[in-house]
Amino acid sequence: MDIDSLDGTPLRSRVVEGMMVALRTRPLHEVSPDVVASAIGEPAVVIDQTFPSWDGLLLATIDRWNDQRTAPLMPVAEQHGTVRFLRAIVMANIADPSLMRFLTATLNIAASPEHPLAPMLHSRWRRFHTFVQRSLERDIVLGREPRTMEPSRGSEQLLATYEGLQLQSMVRPDMDLLDAFDRAVTRLREGWSREYVPPVWDLGLVG
């Protein structure tokens, strides 16, 4: 092993980077400690020694990769608003779709209440939702978004649009994701500009 491999911190970082390399060429279910080890030129035992838990490596990879993608875009939210921030993420995902594929692959884990990793994944999704909601609150104060929009509802609608279109683009590779996002968000924001009126359903038409 090289000298870096003897230092826990650099080796841990290299293993996470190796996981990211592997996930850019393979789906999550095809990635194993052997594949990650090959990506960094180390024996497979190094992966187990550095991350005794595979779940720990998954979580570390999510955090590192998300930070690398999102941190440089944070000023967009402050300077130009929440919608432009999410649009910037969409553009980053179009340029490198591997992270979104990885996050989508972990949804099955997050949706399994008995899985030990589920609560930690939930906390990360909630954290992102909270950021978007608070960013929308700031947008309202600054006049970027209308006061008729309730931030808690606006954030769930905006994220549903963002995440739903991302998912569609994975199974419809011919889809123009950025155009679809722009169109959907334009329609959504038009609705925000009006007071919400709950629908009155004609239950006699059901069935």
N, C-alpha and C. Protein backbone atom coordinates (compact mmCIF):
# COMPACT_ATOMS: atom_id res chain seq x y z
N MET A 1 0.84 -1.20 0.00
CA MET A 1 0.00 0.00 0.00
C MET A 1 0.88 1.25 0.00
N ASP A 2 0.39 2.31 -0.63
CA ASP A 2 1.19 3.52 -0.62
C ASP A 2 1.02 4.24 0.71
N ILE A 3 1.82 5.27 0.90
CA ILE A 3 1.85 5.96 2.20
C ILE A 3 0.49 6.55 2.55
N ASP A 4 -0.27 7.03 1.55
CA ASP A 4 -1.58 7.61 1.83
C ASP A 4 -2.52 6.56 2.40
N SER A 5 -2.35 5.31 2.00
CA SER A 5 -3.26 4.27 2.45
C SER A 5 -3.07 3.94 3.91
N LEU A 6 -1.96 4.38 4.49
CA LEU A 6 -1.72 4.11 5.90
C LEU A 6 -2.33 5.18 6.79
N ASP A 7 -2.78 6.25 6.19
CA ASP A 7 -3.39 7.36 6.94
C ASP A 7 -4.90 7.25 6.78
N GLY A 8 -5.58 7.05 7.90
CA GLY A 8 -7.02 6.79 7.84
C GLY A 8 -7.82 7.85 7.11
N THR A 9 -7.52 9.13 7.36
CA THR A 9 -8.33 10.19 6.76
C THR A 9 -8.17 10.26 5.25
N PRO A 10 -6.94 10.32 4.70
CA PRO A 10 -6.81 10.32 3.24
C PRO A 10 -7.37 9.06 2.60
N LEU A 11 -7.19 7.91 3.23
CA LEU A 11 -7.69 6.68 2.65
C LEU A 11 -9.21 6.68 2.63
N ARG A 12 -9.84 7.16 3.69
CA ARG A 12 -11.30 7.24 3.74
C ARG A 12 -11.80 8.11 2.59
N SER A 13 -11.12 9.23 2.37
CA SER A 13 -11.51 10.12 1.29
C SER A 13 -11.34 9.45 -0.06
N ARG A 14 -10.26 8.71 -0.24
CA ARG A 14 -10.00 8.02 -1.50
C ARG A 14 -11.05 6.94 -1.75
N VAL A 15 -11.48 6.26 -0.70
CA VAL A 15 -12.50 5.22 -0.86
C VAL A 15 -13.81 5.84 -1.32
N VAL A 16 -14.19 6.96 -0.72
CA VAL A 16 -15.43 7.64 -1.13
C VAL A 16 -15.33 8.08 -2.59
N GLU A 17 -14.18 8.64 -2.97
CA GLU A 17 -14.00 9.06 -4.36
C GLU A 17 -14.06 7.85 -5.29
N GLY A 18 -13.50 6.72 -4.82
CA GLY A 18 -13.57 5.50 -5.62
C GLY A 18 -15.00 5.02 -5.80
N MET A 19 -15.80 5.17 -4.77
CA MET A 19 -17.22 4.81 -4.86
C MET A 19 -17.91 5.69 -5.90
N MET A 20 -17.59 6.96 -5.92
CA MET A 20 -18.18 7.87 -6.90
C MET A 20 -17.76 7.50 -8.31
N VAL A 21 -16.50 7.13 -8.49
CA VAL A 21 -16.03 6.70 -9.80
C VAL A 21 -16.80 5.47 -10.26
N ALA A 22 -16.98 4.51 -9.34
CA ALA A 22 -17.70 3.28 -9.68
C ALA A 22 -19.15 3.57 -10.06
N LEU A 23 -19.79 4.50 -9.34
CA LEU A 23 -21.20 4.81 -9.59
C LEU A 23 -21.41 5.62 -10.86
N ARG A 24 -20.36 6.16 -11.40
CA ARG A 24 -20.49 6.87 -12.68
C ARG A 24 -20.54 5.89 -13.85
N THR A 25 -20.15 4.65 -13.61
CA THR A 25 -20.12 3.67 -14.71
C THR A 25 -21.03 2.47 -14.46
N ARG A 26 -21.53 2.32 -13.22
CA ARG A 26 -22.35 1.16 -12.88
C ARG A 26 -23.53 1.59 -12.01
N PRO A 27 -24.65 0.86 -12.09
CA PRO A 27 -25.75 1.11 -11.15
C PRO A 27 -25.35 0.62 -9.76
N LEU A 28 -26.03 1.13 -8.75
CA LEU A 28 -25.66 0.82 -7.36
C LEU A 28 -25.63 -0.68 -7.10
N HIS A 29 -26.59 -1.43 -7.63
CA HIS A 29 -26.65 -2.85 -7.31
C HIS A 29 -25.50 -3.66 -7.92
N GLU A 30 -24.73 -3.03 -8.81
CA GLU A 30 -23.58 -3.71 -9.39
C GLU A 30 -22.26 -3.29 -8.75
N VAL A 31 -22.33 -2.35 -7.82
CA VAL A 31 -21.11 -1.87 -7.16
C VAL A 31 -20.87 -2.68 -5.89
N SER A 32 -19.65 -3.14 -5.72
CA SER A 32 -19.26 -3.95 -4.58
C SER A 32 -17.94 -3.43 -4.03
N PRO A 33 -17.51 -3.90 -2.85
CA PRO A 33 -16.18 -3.50 -2.35
C PRO A 33 -15.07 -3.80 -3.34
N ASP A 34 -15.17 -4.90 -4.07
CA ASP A 34 -14.14 -5.21 -5.07
C ASP A 34 -14.08 -4.14 -6.16
N VAL A 35 -15.26 -3.69 -6.60
CA VAL A 35 -15.31 -2.67 -7.65
C VAL A 35 -14.72 -1.36 -7.16
N VAL A 36 -15.05 -0.97 -5.93
CA VAL A 36 -14.52 0.27 -5.37
C VAL A 36 -13.02 0.17 -5.18
N ALA A 37 -12.56 -0.99 -4.70
CA ALA A 37 -11.13 -1.20 -4.50
C ALA A 37 -10.36 -1.08 -5.81
N SER A 38 -10.94 -1.65 -6.86
CA SER A 38 -10.30 -1.57 -8.17
C SER A 38 -10.19 -0.13 -8.65
N ALA A 39 -11.20 0.69 -8.32
CA ALA A 39 -11.21 2.09 -8.75
C ALA A 39 -10.10 2.90 -8.11
N ILE A 40 -9.65 2.49 -6.92
CA ILE A 40 -8.59 3.24 -6.24
C ILE A 40 -7.26 2.48 -6.21
N GLY A 41 -7.24 1.31 -6.83
CA GLY A 41 -6.00 0.55 -6.90
C GLY A 41 -5.55 -0.03 -5.58
N GLU A 42 -6.49 -0.46 -4.77
CA GLU A 42 -6.17 -1.07 -3.47
C GLU A 42 -6.85 -2.44 -3.38
N PRO A 43 -6.37 -3.31 -2.51
CA PRO A 43 -7.05 -4.60 -2.31
C PRO A 43 -8.41 -4.39 -1.64
N ALA A 44 -9.33 -5.31 -1.87
CA ALA A 44 -10.70 -5.16 -1.37
C ALA A 44 -10.75 -5.07 0.15
N VAL A 45 -9.78 -5.69 0.83
CA VAL A 45 -9.79 -5.67 2.29
C VAL A 45 -9.69 -4.25 2.83
N VAL A 46 -9.06 -3.37 2.06
CA VAL A 46 -8.92 -1.97 2.49
C VAL A 46 -10.29 -1.31 2.62
N ILE A 47 -11.21 -1.64 1.72
CA ILE A 47 -12.55 -1.05 1.78
C ILE A 47 -13.25 -1.48 3.05
N ASP A 48 -13.17 -2.76 3.38
CA ASP A 48 -13.82 -3.27 4.59
C ASP A 48 -13.19 -2.69 5.85
N GLN A 49 -11.88 -2.48 5.81
CA GLN A 49 -11.20 -1.92 6.98
C GLN A 49 -11.54 -0.45 7.17
N THR A 50 -11.72 0.26 6.07
CA THR A 50 -12.00 1.70 6.14
C THR A 50 -13.47 1.97 6.44
N PHE A 51 -14.33 1.16 5.80
CA PHE A 51 -15.78 1.27 6.03
C PHE A 51 -16.31 -0.13 6.37
N PRO A 52 -16.24 -0.53 7.65
CA PRO A 52 -16.75 -1.86 8.03
C PRO A 52 -18.22 -2.05 7.66
N SER A 53 -18.96 -0.96 7.57
CA SER A 53 -20.37 -1.01 7.19
C SER A 53 -20.53 -0.45 5.78
N TRP A 54 -21.14 -1.22 4.89
CA TRP A 54 -21.43 -0.75 3.53
C TRP A 54 -22.36 0.45 3.58
N ASP A 55 -23.31 0.44 4.53
CA ASP A 55 -24.22 1.58 4.68
C ASP A 55 -23.45 2.85 5.00
N GLY A 56 -22.40 2.71 5.79
CA GLY A 56 -21.58 3.87 6.13
C GLY A 56 -20.93 4.47 4.91
N LEU A 57 -20.48 3.61 3.99
CA LEU A 57 -19.88 4.10 2.75
C LEU A 57 -20.93 4.77 1.87
N LEU A 58 -22.14 4.19 1.81
CA LEU A 58 -23.22 4.80 1.04
C LEU A 58 -23.50 6.21 1.55
N LEU A 59 -23.63 6.36 2.87
CA LEU A 59 -23.97 7.66 3.44
C LEU A 59 -22.84 8.67 3.24
N ALA A 60 -21.61 8.22 3.42
CA ALA A 60 -20.47 9.12 3.22
C ALA A 60 -20.40 9.58 1.77
N THR A 61 -20.74 8.70 0.85
CA THR A 61 -20.71 9.05 -0.57
C THR A 61 -21.81 10.04 -0.90
N ILE A 62 -23.00 9.82 -0.37
CA ILE A 62 -24.10 10.77 -0.58
C ILE A 62 -23.71 12.16 -0.09
N ASP A 63 -23.14 12.21 1.12
CA ASP A 63 -22.79 13.51 1.69
C ASP A 63 -21.70 14.21 0.89
N ARG A 64 -20.65 13.46 0.54
CA ARG A 64 -19.55 14.07 -0.21
C ARG A 64 -20.01 14.56 -1.58
N TRP A 65 -20.74 13.70 -2.28
CA TRP A 65 -21.15 14.02 -3.65
C TRP A 65 -22.15 15.17 -3.66
N ASN A 66 -23.09 15.14 -2.73
CA ASN A 66 -24.06 16.23 -2.64
C ASN A 66 -23.38 17.56 -2.35
N ASP A 67 -22.41 17.53 -1.43
CA ASP A 67 -21.69 18.75 -1.10
C ASP A 67 -20.93 19.29 -2.30
N GLN A 68 -20.28 18.41 -3.02
CA GLN A 68 -19.51 18.84 -4.18
C GLN A 68 -20.39 19.48 -5.24
N ARG A 69 -21.59 18.95 -5.41
CA ARG A 69 -22.50 19.49 -6.41
C ARG A 69 -23.21 20.75 -5.92
N THR A 70 -23.70 20.72 -4.69
CA THR A 70 -24.61 21.76 -4.22
C THR A 70 -23.92 22.98 -3.62
N ALA A 71 -22.84 22.78 -2.89
CA ALA A 71 -22.19 23.89 -2.19
C ALA A 71 -21.84 25.05 -3.13
N PRO A 72 -21.28 24.81 -4.31
CA PRO A 72 -20.95 25.94 -5.19
C PRO A 72 -22.19 26.67 -5.71
N LEU A 73 -23.37 26.03 -5.62
CA LEU A 73 -24.58 26.64 -6.15
C LEU A 73 -25.37 27.40 -5.09
N MET A 74 -24.98 27.30 -3.84
CA MET A 74 -25.72 27.96 -2.76
C MET A 74 -25.85 29.48 -2.98
N PRO A 75 -24.82 30.17 -3.47
CA PRO A 75 -24.97 31.61 -3.69
C PRO A 75 -26.08 31.95 -4.68
N VAL A 76 -26.43 31.01 -5.57
CA VAL A 76 -27.50 31.26 -6.53
C VAL A 76 -28.82 31.48 -5.81
N ALA A 77 -29.06 30.69 -4.76
CA ALA A 77 -30.31 30.84 -4.00
C ALA A 77 -30.38 32.20 -3.35
N GLU A 78 -29.28 32.65 -2.79
CA GLU A 78 -29.26 33.94 -2.10
C GLU A 78 -29.38 35.11 -3.07
N GLN A 79 -28.69 35.00 -4.21
CA GLN A 79 -28.63 36.13 -5.14
C GLN A 79 -29.79 36.16 -6.14
N HIS A 80 -30.29 34.98 -6.50
CA HIS A 80 -31.29 34.92 -7.57
C HIS A 80 -32.57 34.18 -7.20
N GLY A 81 -32.62 33.56 -6.04
CA GLY A 81 -33.85 32.92 -5.61
C GLY A 81 -33.83 31.40 -5.70
N THR A 82 -34.84 30.81 -5.07
CA THR A 82 -34.92 29.36 -4.93
C THR A 82 -35.10 28.65 -6.26
N VAL A 83 -35.97 29.17 -7.11
CA VAL A 83 -36.23 28.52 -8.39
C VAL A 83 -34.97 28.48 -9.24
N ARG A 84 -34.23 29.57 -9.27
CA ARG A 84 -32.99 29.59 -10.04
C ARG A 84 -31.97 28.63 -9.44
N PHE A 85 -31.98 28.48 -8.12
CA PHE A 85 -31.07 27.54 -7.46
C PHE A 85 -31.37 26.11 -7.90
N LEU A 86 -32.65 25.72 -7.87
CA LEU A 86 -33.01 24.37 -8.29
C LEU A 86 -32.76 24.18 -9.78
N ARG A 87 -32.97 25.21 -10.56
CA ARG A 87 -32.66 25.12 -12.00
C ARG A 87 -31.17 24.87 -12.21
N ALA A 88 -30.35 25.51 -11.41
CA ALA A 88 -28.90 25.30 -11.51
C ALA A 88 -28.54 23.86 -11.16
N ILE A 89 -29.24 23.28 -10.18
CA ILE A 89 -29.00 21.88 -9.85
C ILE A 89 -29.42 20.98 -11.00
N VAL A 90 -30.56 21.29 -11.61
CA VAL A 90 -31.00 20.51 -12.78
C VAL A 90 -29.93 20.54 -13.86
N MET A 91 -29.36 21.70 -14.11
CA MET A 91 -28.32 21.82 -15.13
C MET A 91 -27.09 21.01 -14.75
N ALA A 92 -26.73 21.02 -13.47
CA ALA A 92 -25.60 20.22 -13.01
C ALA A 92 -25.88 18.73 -13.17
N ASN A 93 -27.12 18.34 -12.92
CA ASN A 93 -27.49 16.92 -13.06
C ASN A 93 -27.51 16.49 -14.52
N ILE A 94 -27.88 17.39 -15.40
CA ILE A 94 -27.85 17.07 -16.83
C ILE A 94 -26.40 16.85 -17.27
N ALA A 95 -25.49 17.68 -16.75
CA ALA A 95 -24.08 17.56 -17.11
C ALA A 95 -23.46 16.29 -16.53
N ASP A 96 -23.91 15.87 -15.36
CA ASP A 96 -23.39 14.66 -14.71
C ASP A 96 -24.55 13.98 -13.99
N PRO A 97 -25.30 13.11 -14.67
CA PRO A 97 -26.51 12.51 -14.09
C PRO A 97 -26.27 11.39 -13.08
N SER A 98 -25.02 11.04 -12.86
CA SER A 98 -24.72 9.87 -12.02
C SER A 98 -25.22 10.03 -10.59
N LEU A 99 -25.05 11.23 -10.03
CA LEU A 99 -25.47 11.44 -8.64
C LEU A 99 -26.97 11.26 -8.50
N MET A 100 -27.76 11.81 -9.43
CA MET A 100 -29.20 11.66 -9.33
C MET A 100 -29.61 10.20 -9.46
N ARG A 101 -28.94 9.45 -10.31
CA ARG A 101 -29.23 8.01 -10.42
C ARG A 101 -28.94 7.31 -9.10
N PHE A 102 -27.84 7.69 -8.46
CA PHE A 102 -27.46 7.10 -7.17
C PHE A 102 -28.50 7.43 -6.10
N LEU A 103 -28.88 8.70 -6.01
CA LEU A 103 -29.87 9.11 -5.01
C LEU A 103 -31.20 8.39 -5.24
N THR A 104 -31.59 8.26 -6.50
CA THR A 104 -32.84 7.56 -6.80
C THR A 104 -32.76 6.10 -6.39
N ALA A 105 -31.59 5.50 -6.56
CA ALA A 105 -31.41 4.10 -6.18
C ALA A 105 -31.54 3.89 -4.68
N THR A 106 -31.25 4.93 -3.90
CA THR A 106 -31.36 4.80 -2.44
C THR A 106 -32.78 5.03 -1.93
N LEU A 107 -33.70 5.40 -2.81
CA LEU A 107 -35.08 5.63 -2.38
C LEU A 107 -35.70 4.37 -1.79
N ASN A 108 -35.37 3.22 -2.37
CA ASN A 108 -35.92 1.98 -1.85
C ASN A 108 -35.47 1.73 -0.42
N ILE A 109 -34.23 2.11 -0.12
CA ILE A 109 -33.73 1.99 1.26
C ILE A 109 -34.48 2.96 2.16
N ALA A 110 -34.61 4.20 1.71
CA ALA A 110 -35.28 5.22 2.52
C ALA A 110 -36.73 4.86 2.79
N ALA A 111 -37.35 4.13 1.85
CA ALA A 111 -38.76 3.76 2.00
C ALA A 111 -38.95 2.48 2.80
N SER A 112 -37.87 1.92 3.32
CA SER A 112 -37.95 0.70 4.13
C SER A 112 -37.73 1.05 5.59
N PRO A 113 -38.81 1.20 6.36
CA PRO A 113 -38.69 1.69 7.74
C PRO A 113 -37.74 0.87 8.61
N GLU A 114 -37.63 -0.43 8.32
CA GLU A 114 -36.80 -1.29 9.17
C GLU A 114 -35.32 -1.20 8.82
N HIS A 115 -34.99 -0.55 7.71
CA HIS A 115 -33.58 -0.47 7.30
C HIS A 115 -32.85 0.53 8.19
N PRO A 116 -31.68 0.18 8.73
CA PRO A 116 -30.98 1.09 9.65
C PRO A 116 -30.55 2.41 9.00
N LEU A 117 -30.41 2.41 7.68
CA LEU A 117 -29.99 3.62 7.00
C LEU A 117 -31.14 4.58 6.72
N ALA A 118 -32.38 4.07 6.79
CA ALA A 118 -33.55 4.88 6.42
C ALA A 118 -33.66 6.19 7.21
N PRO A 119 -33.54 6.18 8.54
CA PRO A 119 -33.68 7.45 9.27
C PRO A 119 -32.65 8.49 8.85
N MET A 120 -31.44 8.06 8.54
CA MET A 120 -30.40 9.01 8.14
C MET A 120 -30.67 9.58 6.76
N LEU A 121 -31.22 8.75 5.87
CA LEU A 121 -31.61 9.27 4.56
C LEU A 121 -32.77 10.24 4.69
N HIS A 122 -33.75 9.89 5.55
CA HIS A 122 -34.88 10.79 5.78
C HIS A 122 -34.39 12.15 6.26
N SER A 123 -33.42 12.16 7.16
CA SER A 123 -32.94 13.43 7.71
C SER A 123 -32.31 14.30 6.63
N ARG A 124 -31.66 13.68 5.67
CA ARG A 124 -31.05 14.45 4.59
C ARG A 124 -32.09 15.02 3.65
N TRP A 125 -33.13 14.25 3.35
CA TRP A 125 -34.20 14.78 2.51
C TRP A 125 -34.94 15.91 3.23
N ARG A 126 -35.17 15.73 4.54
CA ARG A 126 -35.85 16.78 5.30
C ARG A 126 -34.99 18.04 5.37
N ARG A 127 -33.69 17.86 5.49
CA ARG A 127 -32.80 19.01 5.56
C ARG A 127 -32.86 19.83 4.26
N PHE A 128 -32.89 19.13 3.13
CA PHE A 128 -32.98 19.83 1.85
C PHE A 128 -34.33 20.53 1.71
N HIS A 129 -35.40 19.85 2.13
CA HIS A 129 -36.73 20.46 2.09
C HIS A 129 -36.77 21.71 2.95
N THR A 130 -36.17 21.64 4.13
CA THR A 130 -36.14 22.80 5.03
C THR A 130 -35.39 23.96 4.40
N PHE A 131 -34.27 23.65 3.75
CA PHE A 131 -33.50 24.70 3.09
C PHE A 131 -34.34 25.38 2.01
N VAL A 132 -35.03 24.59 1.19
CA VAL A 132 -35.85 25.15 0.12
C VAL A 132 -36.98 25.99 0.70
N GLN A 133 -37.61 25.50 1.77
CA GLN A 133 -38.70 26.27 2.38
C GLN A 133 -38.21 27.61 2.92
N ARG A 134 -37.09 27.60 3.62
CA ARG A 134 -36.56 28.85 4.17
C ARG A 134 -36.11 29.80 3.07
N SER A 135 -35.59 29.22 1.99
CA SER A 135 -35.19 30.05 0.86
C SER A 135 -36.40 30.71 0.22
N LEU A 136 -37.52 29.99 0.13
CA LEU A 136 -38.75 30.59 -0.40
C LEU A 136 -39.28 31.67 0.53
N GLU A 137 -39.14 31.47 1.83
CA GLU A 137 -39.56 32.51 2.79
C GLU A 137 -38.79 33.79 2.53
N ARG A 138 -37.49 33.64 2.29
CA ARG A 138 -36.66 34.80 1.99
C ARG A 138 -37.07 35.43 0.66
N ASP A 139 -37.39 34.60 -0.32
CA ASP A 139 -37.83 35.13 -1.61
C ASP A 139 -39.08 35.99 -1.47
N ILE A 140 -39.99 35.57 -0.59
CA ILE A 140 -41.22 36.35 -0.37
C ILE A 140 -40.88 37.71 0.25
N VAL A 141 -40.01 37.70 1.24
CA VAL A 141 -39.61 38.94 1.89
C VAL A 141 -38.98 39.90 0.89
N LEU A 142 -38.18 39.35 -0.04
CA LEU A 142 -37.49 40.18 -1.02
C LEU A 142 -38.35 40.51 -2.24
N GLY A 143 -39.57 39.98 -2.28
CA GLY A 143 -40.46 40.26 -3.39
C GLY A 143 -40.24 39.41 -4.62
N ARG A 144 -39.44 38.36 -4.49
CA ARG A 144 -39.20 37.47 -5.63
C ARG A 144 -40.38 36.52 -5.87
N GLU A 145 -41.08 36.20 -4.81
CA GLU A 145 -42.24 35.32 -4.90
C GLU A 145 -43.41 35.99 -4.19
N PRO A 146 -44.65 35.68 -4.60
CA PRO A 146 -45.82 36.36 -4.05
C PRO A 146 -46.17 35.90 -2.64
N ARG A 147 -46.77 36.77 -1.88
CA ARG A 147 -47.17 36.43 -0.52
C ARG A 147 -48.37 35.49 -0.49
N THR A 148 -49.00 35.27 -1.62
CA THR A 148 -50.10 34.30 -1.70
C THR A 148 -49.58 32.86 -1.70
N MET A 149 -48.25 32.69 -1.80
CA MET A 149 -47.66 31.36 -1.76
C MET A 149 -47.24 31.03 -0.33
N GLU A 150 -47.73 29.90 0.18
CA GLU A 150 -47.35 29.44 1.51
C GLU A 150 -46.05 28.64 1.36
N PRO A 151 -44.95 29.08 1.97
CA PRO A 151 -43.65 28.44 1.74
C PRO A 151 -43.63 26.93 2.02
N SER A 152 -44.34 26.49 3.04
CA SER A 152 -44.34 25.05 3.33
C SER A 152 -44.96 24.26 2.19
N ARG A 153 -46.01 24.82 1.58
CA ARG A 153 -46.65 24.17 0.44
C ARG A 153 -45.83 24.39 -0.84
N GLY A 154 -45.33 25.60 -0.99
CA GLY A 154 -44.54 25.90 -2.17
C GLY A 154 -43.30 25.03 -2.27
N SER A 155 -42.67 24.76 -1.13
CA SER A 155 -41.45 23.94 -1.15
C SER A 155 -41.76 22.50 -1.54
N GLU A 156 -42.87 21.94 -1.02
CA GLU A 156 -43.18 20.56 -1.39
C GLU A 156 -43.59 20.46 -2.86
N GLN A 157 -44.27 21.50 -3.37
CA GLN A 157 -44.65 21.50 -4.79
C GLN A 157 -43.43 21.66 -5.68
N LEU A 158 -42.53 22.54 -5.29
CA LEU A 158 -41.33 22.79 -6.09
C LEU A 158 -40.43 21.56 -6.12
N LEU A 159 -40.27 20.92 -4.98
CA LEU A 159 -39.43 19.73 -4.92
C LEU A 159 -40.08 18.55 -5.64
N ALA A 160 -41.41 18.47 -5.56
CA ALA A 160 -42.10 17.40 -6.30
C ALA A 160 -41.88 17.58 -7.80
N THR A 161 -41.92 18.83 -8.25
CA THR A 161 -41.67 19.12 -9.67
C THR A 161 -40.24 18.76 -10.04
N TYR A 162 -39.30 19.24 -9.26
CA TYR A 162 -37.87 18.99 -9.51
C TYR A 162 -37.55 17.49 -9.50
N GLU A 163 -37.95 16.80 -8.44
CA GLU A 163 -37.61 15.39 -8.30
C GLU A 163 -38.40 14.52 -9.27
N GLY A 164 -39.67 14.87 -9.49
CA GLY A 164 -40.49 14.08 -10.40
C GLY A 164 -39.99 14.16 -11.83
N LEU A 165 -39.61 15.33 -12.28
CA LEU A 165 -39.09 15.48 -13.64
C LEU A 165 -37.73 14.80 -13.78
N GLN A 166 -36.92 14.85 -12.72
CA GLN A 166 -35.64 14.14 -12.77
C GLN A 166 -35.87 12.65 -12.97
N LEU A 167 -36.85 12.10 -12.24
CA LEU A 167 -37.15 10.68 -12.35
C LEU A 167 -37.65 10.35 -13.76
N GLN A 168 -38.53 11.19 -14.30
CA GLN A 168 -39.03 10.96 -15.64
C GLN A 168 -37.89 10.94 -16.66
N SER A 169 -36.93 11.84 -16.48
CA SER A 169 -35.84 11.94 -17.45
C SER A 169 -34.97 10.69 -17.47
N MET A 170 -34.96 9.95 -16.37
CA MET A 170 -34.15 8.72 -16.31
C MET A 170 -34.76 7.60 -17.13
N VAL A 171 -36.08 7.59 -17.23
CA VAL A 171 -36.76 6.53 -17.99
C VAL A 171 -37.22 7.02 -19.36
N ARG A 172 -37.05 8.32 -19.61
CA ARG A 172 -37.35 8.91 -20.92
C ARG A 172 -36.13 9.72 -21.35
N PRO A 173 -35.07 9.03 -21.77
CA PRO A 173 -33.81 9.73 -22.06
C PRO A 173 -33.89 10.76 -23.19
N ASP A 174 -34.95 10.72 -24.00
CA ASP A 174 -35.10 11.71 -25.06
C ASP A 174 -35.77 12.99 -24.56
N MET A 175 -36.13 13.02 -23.30
CA MET A 175 -36.84 14.16 -22.72
C MET A 175 -35.88 15.34 -22.55
N ASP A 176 -36.36 16.55 -22.87
CA ASP A 176 -35.60 17.78 -22.62
C ASP A 176 -35.90 18.23 -21.19
N LEU A 177 -35.05 17.81 -20.27
CA LEU A 177 -35.32 18.03 -18.86
C LEU A 177 -35.36 19.51 -18.49
N LEU A 178 -34.43 20.28 -18.99
CA LEU A 178 -34.40 21.70 -18.62
C LEU A 178 -35.63 22.43 -19.12
N ASP A 179 -36.05 22.15 -20.35
CA ASP A 179 -37.26 22.77 -20.89
C ASP A 179 -38.48 22.34 -20.08
N ALA A 180 -38.55 21.05 -19.73
CA ALA A 180 -39.68 20.56 -18.94
C ALA A 180 -39.72 21.24 -17.58
N PHE A 181 -38.56 21.43 -16.97
CA PHE A 181 -38.49 22.11 -15.67
C PHE A 181 -38.97 23.56 -15.80
N ASP A 182 -38.47 24.25 -16.82
CA ASP A 182 -38.85 25.65 -17.00
C ASP A 182 -40.35 25.81 -17.21
N ARG A 183 -40.93 24.93 -18.02
CA ARG A 183 -42.37 25.01 -18.29
C ARG A 183 -43.18 24.72 -17.03
N ALA A 184 -42.80 23.66 -16.32
CA ALA A 184 -43.56 23.27 -15.13
C ALA A 184 -43.48 24.34 -14.05
N VAL A 185 -42.30 24.89 -13.84
CA VAL A 185 -42.12 25.89 -12.79
C VAL A 185 -42.82 27.19 -13.15
N THR A 186 -42.83 27.53 -14.43
CA THR A 186 -43.56 28.74 -14.85
C THR A 186 -45.04 28.61 -14.54
N ARG A 187 -45.61 27.46 -14.84
CA ARG A 187 -47.02 27.21 -14.52
C ARG A 187 -47.24 27.21 -13.02
N LEU A 188 -46.32 26.60 -12.28
CA LEU A 188 -46.45 26.53 -10.83
C LEU A 188 -46.44 27.93 -10.22
N ARG A 189 -45.54 28.76 -10.66
CA ARG A 189 -45.44 30.11 -10.10
C ARG A 189 -46.64 30.97 -10.46
N GLU A 190 -47.24 30.70 -11.61
CA GLU A 190 -48.49 31.41 -11.95
C GLU A 190 -49.56 31.09 -10.93
N GLY A 191 -49.63 29.84 -10.52
CA GLY A 191 -50.59 29.44 -9.50
C GLY A 191 -50.29 30.08 -8.15
N TRP A 192 -49.00 30.23 -7.82
CA TRP A 192 -48.64 30.86 -6.56
C TRP A 192 -49.12 32.30 -6.48
N SER A 193 -49.28 32.94 -7.61
CA SER A 193 -49.64 34.36 -7.62
C SER A 193 -51.11 34.60 -7.31
N ARG A 194 -51.88 33.51 -7.16
CA ARG A 194 -53.30 33.64 -6.84
C ARG A 194 -53.60 33.00 -5.49
N GLU A 195 -54.61 33.50 -4.81
CA GLU A 195 -55.04 32.88 -3.56
C GLU A 195 -55.51 31.45 -3.83
N TYR A 196 -55.15 30.56 -2.93
CA TYR A 196 -55.55 29.16 -3.11
C TYR A 196 -57.02 28.98 -2.76
N VAL A 197 -57.74 28.34 -3.67
CA VAL A 197 -59.14 28.01 -3.45
C VAL A 197 -59.26 26.49 -3.49
N PRO A 198 -59.59 25.85 -2.38
CA PRO A 198 -59.69 24.38 -2.35
C PRO A 198 -60.70 23.88 -3.37
N PRO A 199 -60.41 22.77 -4.04
CA PRO A 199 -61.34 22.25 -5.03
C PRO A 199 -62.58 21.67 -4.36
N VAL A 200 -63.68 21.71 -5.06
CA VAL A 200 -64.91 21.09 -4.60
C VAL A 200 -65.17 19.90 -5.54
N TRP A 201 -64.98 18.71 -5.01
CA TRP A 201 -65.11 17.52 -5.84
C TRP A 201 -66.57 17.06 -5.91
N ASP A 202 -66.99 16.71 -7.10
CA ASP A 202 -68.32 16.14 -7.27
C ASP A 202 -68.21 14.63 -7.03
N LEU A 203 -68.50 14.21 -5.79
CA LEU A 203 -68.33 12.82 -5.42
C LEU A 203 -69.24 11.90 -6.19
N GLY A 204 -70.29 12.46 -6.78
CA GLY A 204 -71.21 11.62 -7.57
C GLY A 204 -70.57 11.10 -8.84
N LEU A 205 -69.47 11.74 -9.25
CA LEU A 205 -68.79 11.31 -10.46
C LEU A 205 -67.75 10.25 -10.19
N VAL A 206 -67.44 10.02 -8.91
CA VAL A 206 -66.42 9.03 -8.57
C VAL A 206 -66.91 7.64 -8.88
N GLY A 207 -66.10 6.85 -9.59
CA GLY A 207 -66.47 5.48 -9.94
C GLY A 207 -67.39 5.45 -11.13
